[in-house]
Amino acid sequence: MQLTIRQARFCDEYIDCGNGAEAARRANYSARTARQMATENLSKPSIQAALQARQQALAARLEIDRATVVVAVLGVIEDAKEQGAPAVMLRGWIEIAKMLGFDKPEPPEERRNRPLSPCAERVKDRYEAMSDNELLELIAAKE
């Protein structure tokens, strides 16, 4: 489906700023309804396809691929580690998780079959070794 002029402008502005409401305002949608129009536009398959095409074209023009971005963010994380900036490190890992799709919830069957981490296993063992009275005392202490 062909985009309207305003929808195409919305896509260009969204690629530029990454904020739906701001892109809607820049594309001359009403400031009062900008958030609603952004949500509506971003849910349309034709606009999603146009955004994806624009992002791919921009990445090709800049000669950037996912691996390049991940390597660059890992470099930023390493620099932040050396400088003692945990917030920057965390943000870097969050961005990498998004790029690799780790921010999506796992299907329930995958969660059930996944083994616990060693740390979670130790915590589980510690709580299972506690008596009912010890567990009740722990719960009472938390309240």
C-alpha atoms as a PDB file:
ATOM      1  CA  MET A   1       0.000   0.000   0.000  1.00  0.00           C
ATOM      2  CA  GLN A   2       1.268   3.471  -0.894  1.00  0.00           C
ATOM      3  CA  LEU A   3       2.048   5.863   1.937  1.00  0.00           C
ATOM      4  CA  THR A   4       0.530   9.306   2.070  1.00  0.00           C
ATOM      5  CA  ILE A   5       2.897  12.277   1.969  1.00  0.00           C
ATOM      6  CA  ARG A   6       2.423  12.811   5.703  1.00  0.00           C
ATOM      7  CA  GLN A   7       3.054   9.129   6.474  1.00  0.00           C
ATOM      8  CA  ALA A   8       6.249   9.179   4.410  1.00  0.00           C
ATOM      9  CA  ARG A   9       7.358  12.300   6.275  1.00  0.00           C
ATOM     10  CA  PHE A  10       6.517  10.568   9.560  1.00  0.00           C
ATOM     11  CA  CYS A  11       8.780   7.662   8.549  1.00  0.00           C
ATOM     12  CA  ASP A  12      11.641  10.012   7.663  1.00  0.00           C
ATOM     13  CA  GLU A  13      11.283  11.881  10.940  1.00  0.00           C
ATOM     14  CA  TYR A  14      10.987   8.665  12.946  1.00  0.00           C
ATOM     15  CA  ILE A  15      14.253   7.394  11.448  1.00  0.00           C
ATOM     16  CA  ASP A  16      15.825  10.743  12.355  1.00  0.00           C
ATOM     17  CA  CYS A  17      14.661  11.057  15.976  1.00  0.00           C
ATOM     18  CA  GLY A  18      13.424   7.590  17.011  1.00  0.00           C
ATOM     19  CA  ASN A  19      10.470   9.059  18.928  1.00  0.00           C
ATOM     20  CA  GLY A  20       6.991   8.445  17.543  1.00  0.00           C
ATOM     21  CA  ALA A  21       5.260  11.476  19.053  1.00  0.00           C
ATOM     22  CA  GLU A  22       8.071  13.806  18.048  1.00  0.00           C
ATOM     23  CA  ALA A  23       8.108  12.340  14.527  1.00  0.00           C
ATOM     24  CA  ALA A  24       4.343  12.905  14.282  1.00  0.00           C
ATOM     25  CA  ARG A  25       4.702  16.545  15.352  1.00  0.00           C
ATOM     26  CA  ARG A  26       7.536  17.073  12.852  1.00  0.00           C
ATOM     27  CA  ALA A  27       5.366  15.486  10.142  1.00  0.00           C
ATOM     28  CA  ASN A  28       2.692  18.122  10.832  1.00  0.00           C
ATOM     29  CA  TYR A  29       0.242  15.992  12.770  1.00  0.00           C
ATOM     30  CA  SER A  30      -1.593  17.896  15.492  1.00  0.00           C
ATOM     31  CA  ALA A  31       0.523  18.343  18.630  1.00  0.00           C
ATOM     32  CA  ARG A  32      -2.534  17.361  20.668  1.00  0.00           C
ATOM     33  CA  THR A  33      -2.926  13.980  18.926  1.00  0.00           C
ATOM     34  CA  ALA A  34       0.737  13.306  18.090  1.00  0.00           C
ATOM     35  CA  ARG A  35       1.121  10.355  20.484  1.00  0.00           C
ATOM     36  CA  GLN A  36      -2.087   8.718  19.266  1.00  0.00           C
ATOM     37  CA  MET A  37      -1.126   9.200  15.618  1.00  0.00           C
ATOM     38  CA  ALA A  38       2.372   7.825  16.278  1.00  0.00           C
ATOM     39  CA  THR A  39       0.908   4.701  17.868  1.00  0.00           C
ATOM     40  CA  GLU A  40      -1.550   4.313  15.011  1.00  0.00           C
ATOM     41  CA  ASN A  41       1.117   4.844  12.347  1.00  0.00           C
ATOM     42  CA  LEU A  42       3.615   2.493  13.966  1.00  0.00           C
ATOM     43  CA  SER A  43       1.010  -0.272  14.034  1.00  0.00           C
ATOM     44  CA  LYS A  44       0.366  -0.116  10.273  1.00  0.00           C
ATOM     45  CA  PRO A  45       2.154  -2.835   8.258  1.00  0.00           C
ATOM     46  CA  SER A  46       2.837  -0.457   5.366  1.00  0.00           C
ATOM     47  CA  ILE A  47       4.575   2.016   7.679  1.00  0.00           C
ATOM     48  CA  GLN A  48       6.502  -0.761   9.427  1.00  0.00           C
ATOM     49  CA  ALA A  49       7.716  -1.975   6.027  1.00  0.00           C
ATOM     50  CA  ALA A  50       8.681   1.562   4.994  1.00  0.00           C
ATOM     51  CA  LEU A  51      10.583   2.094   8.242  1.00  0.00           C
ATOM     52  CA  GLN A  52      12.433  -1.180   7.826  1.00  0.00           C
ATOM     53  CA  ALA A  53      13.356  -0.287   4.243  1.00  0.00           C
ATOM     54  CA  ARG A  54      14.605   3.150   5.317  1.00  0.00           C
ATOM     55  CA  GLN A  55      16.655   1.634   8.159  1.00  0.00           C
ATOM     56  CA  GLN A  56      18.225  -0.910   5.819  1.00  0.00           C
ATOM     57  CA  ALA A  57      19.005   1.789   3.252  1.00  0.00           C
ATOM     58  CA  LEU A  58      20.605   3.966   5.923  1.00  0.00           C
ATOM     59  CA  ALA A  59      22.673   1.045   7.234  1.00  0.00           C
ATOM     60  CA  ALA A  60      23.834   0.205   3.701  1.00  0.00           C
ATOM     61  CA  ARG A  61      24.719   3.832   2.987  1.00  0.00           C
ATOM     62  CA  LEU A  62      26.728   4.034   6.207  1.00  0.00           C
ATOM     63  CA  GLU A  63      28.221   0.561   5.595  1.00  0.00           C
ATOM     64  CA  ILE A  64      27.074  -0.626   9.015  1.00  0.00           C
ATOM     65  CA  ASP A  65      25.820  -4.078   9.866  1.00  0.00           C
ATOM     66  CA  ARG A  66      24.682  -5.689  13.105  1.00  0.00           C
ATOM     67  CA  ALA A  67      28.112  -7.214  13.814  1.00  0.00           C
ATOM     68  CA  THR A  68      29.805  -3.818  13.457  1.00  0.00           C
ATOM     69  CA  VAL A  69      27.378  -2.261  15.915  1.00  0.00           C
ATOM     70  CA  VAL A  70      27.753  -5.087  18.440  1.00  0.00           C
ATOM     71  CA  VAL A  71      31.570  -4.839  18.285  1.00  0.00           C
ATOM     72  CA  ALA A  72      31.393  -1.059  18.755  1.00  0.00           C
ATOM     73  CA  VAL A  73      29.040  -1.345  21.729  1.00  0.00           C
ATOM     74  CA  LEU A  74      31.288  -4.009  23.272  1.00  0.00           C
ATOM     75  CA  GLY A  75      34.148  -1.509  22.957  1.00  0.00           C
ATOM     76  CA  VAL A  76      32.077   1.124  24.753  1.00  0.00           C
ATOM     77  CA  ILE A  77      31.242  -1.391  27.484  1.00  0.00           C
ATOM     78  CA  GLU A  78      34.938  -2.199  27.929  1.00  0.00           C
ATOM     79  CA  ASP A  79      35.823   1.512  28.128  1.00  0.00           C
ATOM     80  CA  ALA A  80      33.040   2.057  30.668  1.00  0.00           C
ATOM     81  CA  LYS A  81      34.350  -0.860  32.714  1.00  0.00           C
ATOM     82  CA  GLU A  82      37.836   0.669  32.808  1.00  0.00           C
ATOM     83  CA  GLN A  83      36.377   4.050  33.802  1.00  0.00           C
ATOM     84  CA  GLY A  84      34.124   2.558  36.471  1.00  0.00           C
ATOM     85  CA  ALA A  85      30.861   3.597  34.803  1.00  0.00           C
ATOM     86  CA  PRO A  86      28.387   0.773  35.543  1.00  0.00           C
ATOM     87  CA  ALA A  87      25.370   2.657  34.160  1.00  0.00           C
ATOM     88  CA  VAL A  88      27.053   2.956  30.760  1.00  0.00           C
ATOM     89  CA  MET A  89      28.004  -0.711  30.869  1.00  0.00           C
ATOM     90  CA  LEU A  90      24.437  -1.729  31.688  1.00  0.00           C
ATOM     91  CA  ARG A  91      23.015   0.425  28.907  1.00  0.00           C
ATOM     92  CA  GLY A  92      25.452  -1.144  26.447  1.00  0.00           C
ATOM     93  CA  TRP A  93      24.412  -4.650  27.416  1.00  0.00           C
ATOM     94  CA  ILE A  94      20.748  -3.677  27.135  1.00  0.00           C
ATOM     95  CA  GLU A  95      21.324  -2.417  23.599  1.00  0.00           C
ATOM     96  CA  ILE A  96      23.177  -5.595  22.626  1.00  0.00           C
ATOM     97  CA  ALA A  97      20.364  -7.688  24.102  1.00  0.00           C
ATOM     98  CA  LYS A  98      17.851  -5.781  21.953  1.00  0.00           C
ATOM     99  CA  MET A  99      19.955  -6.202  18.822  1.00  0.00           C
ATOM    100  CA  LEU A 100      20.225  -9.950  19.393  1.00  0.00           C
ATOM    101  CA  GLY A 101      16.562 -10.373  20.322  1.00  0.00           C
ATOM    102  CA  PHE A 102      17.211 -11.279  23.970  1.00  0.00           C
ATOM    103  CA  ASP A 103      14.705  -8.657  25.124  1.00  0.00           C
ATOM    104  CA  LYS A 104      11.791 -10.760  23.874  1.00  0.00           C
ATOM    105  CA  PRO A 105      10.168 -13.138  26.355  1.00  0.00           C
ATOM    106  CA  GLU A 106      11.094 -16.777  25.976  1.00  0.00           C
ATOM    107  CA  PRO A 107       8.328 -19.214  25.105  1.00  0.00           C
ATOM    108  CA  PRO A 108       7.148 -21.026  28.272  1.00  0.00           C
ATOM    109  CA  GLU A 109       8.418 -24.428  27.079  1.00  0.00           C
ATOM    110  CA  GLU A 110      11.964 -23.050  26.662  1.00  0.00           C
ATOM    111  CA  ARG A 111      11.906 -21.553  30.165  1.00  0.00           C
ATOM    112  CA  ARG A 112      10.772 -24.818  31.729  1.00  0.00           C
ATOM    113  CA  ASN A 113      13.528 -26.839  30.061  1.00  0.00           C
ATOM    114  CA  ARG A 114      16.362 -24.384  30.750  1.00  0.00           C
ATOM    115  CA  PRO A 115      18.697 -25.335  33.616  1.00  0.00           C
ATOM    116  CA  LEU A 116      19.177 -22.869  36.472  1.00  0.00           C
ATOM    117  CA  SER A 117      22.338 -20.807  36.644  1.00  0.00           C
ATOM    118  CA  PRO A 118      24.873 -21.936  39.273  1.00  0.00           C
ATOM    119  CA  CYS A 119      23.951 -18.933  41.444  1.00  0.00           C
ATOM    120  CA  ALA A 120      20.210 -19.641  41.201  1.00  0.00           C
ATOM    121  CA  GLU A 121      20.918 -23.315  41.921  1.00  0.00           C
ATOM    122  CA  ARG A 122      22.765 -22.388  45.153  1.00  0.00           C
ATOM    123  CA  VAL A 123      19.905 -20.109  46.257  1.00  0.00           C
ATOM    124  CA  LYS A 124      17.352 -22.822  45.508  1.00  0.00           C
ATOM    125  CA  ASP A 125      19.386 -25.392  47.468  1.00  0.00           C
ATOM    126  CA  ARG A 126      19.739 -23.014  50.436  1.00  0.00           C
ATOM    127  CA  TYR A 127      15.977 -22.372  50.640  1.00  0.00           C
ATOM    128  CA  GLU A 128      15.104 -26.033  50.163  1.00  0.00           C
ATOM    129  CA  ALA A 129      17.427 -26.926  53.066  1.00  0.00           C
ATOM    130  CA  MET A 130      15.592 -24.529  55.416  1.00  0.00           C
ATOM    131  CA  SER A 131      12.897 -25.805  57.749  1.00  0.00           C
ATOM    132  CA  ASP A 132       9.341 -24.488  57.596  1.00  0.00           C
ATOM    133  CA  ASN A 133       9.934 -22.454  60.759  1.00  0.00           C
ATOM    134  CA  GLU A 134      13.085 -20.872  59.287  1.00  0.00           C
ATOM    135  CA  LEU A 135      11.179 -19.956  56.133  1.00  0.00           C
ATOM    136  CA  LEU A 136       8.319 -18.442  58.153  1.00  0.00           C
ATOM    137  CA  GLU A 137      10.818 -16.399  60.200  1.00  0.00           C
ATOM    138  CA  LEU A 138      12.417 -15.158  56.981  1.00  0.00           C
ATOM    139  CA  ILE A 139       9.031 -14.134  55.593  1.00  0.00           C
ATOM    140  CA  ALA A 140       8.112 -12.379  58.852  1.00  0.00           C
ATOM    141  CA  ALA A 141      11.403 -10.474  58.808  1.00  0.00           C
ATOM    142  CA  LYS A 142      10.624  -9.177  55.298  1.00  0.00           C
ATOM    143  CA  GLU A 143       7.239  -7.788  56.376  1.00  0.00           C
END
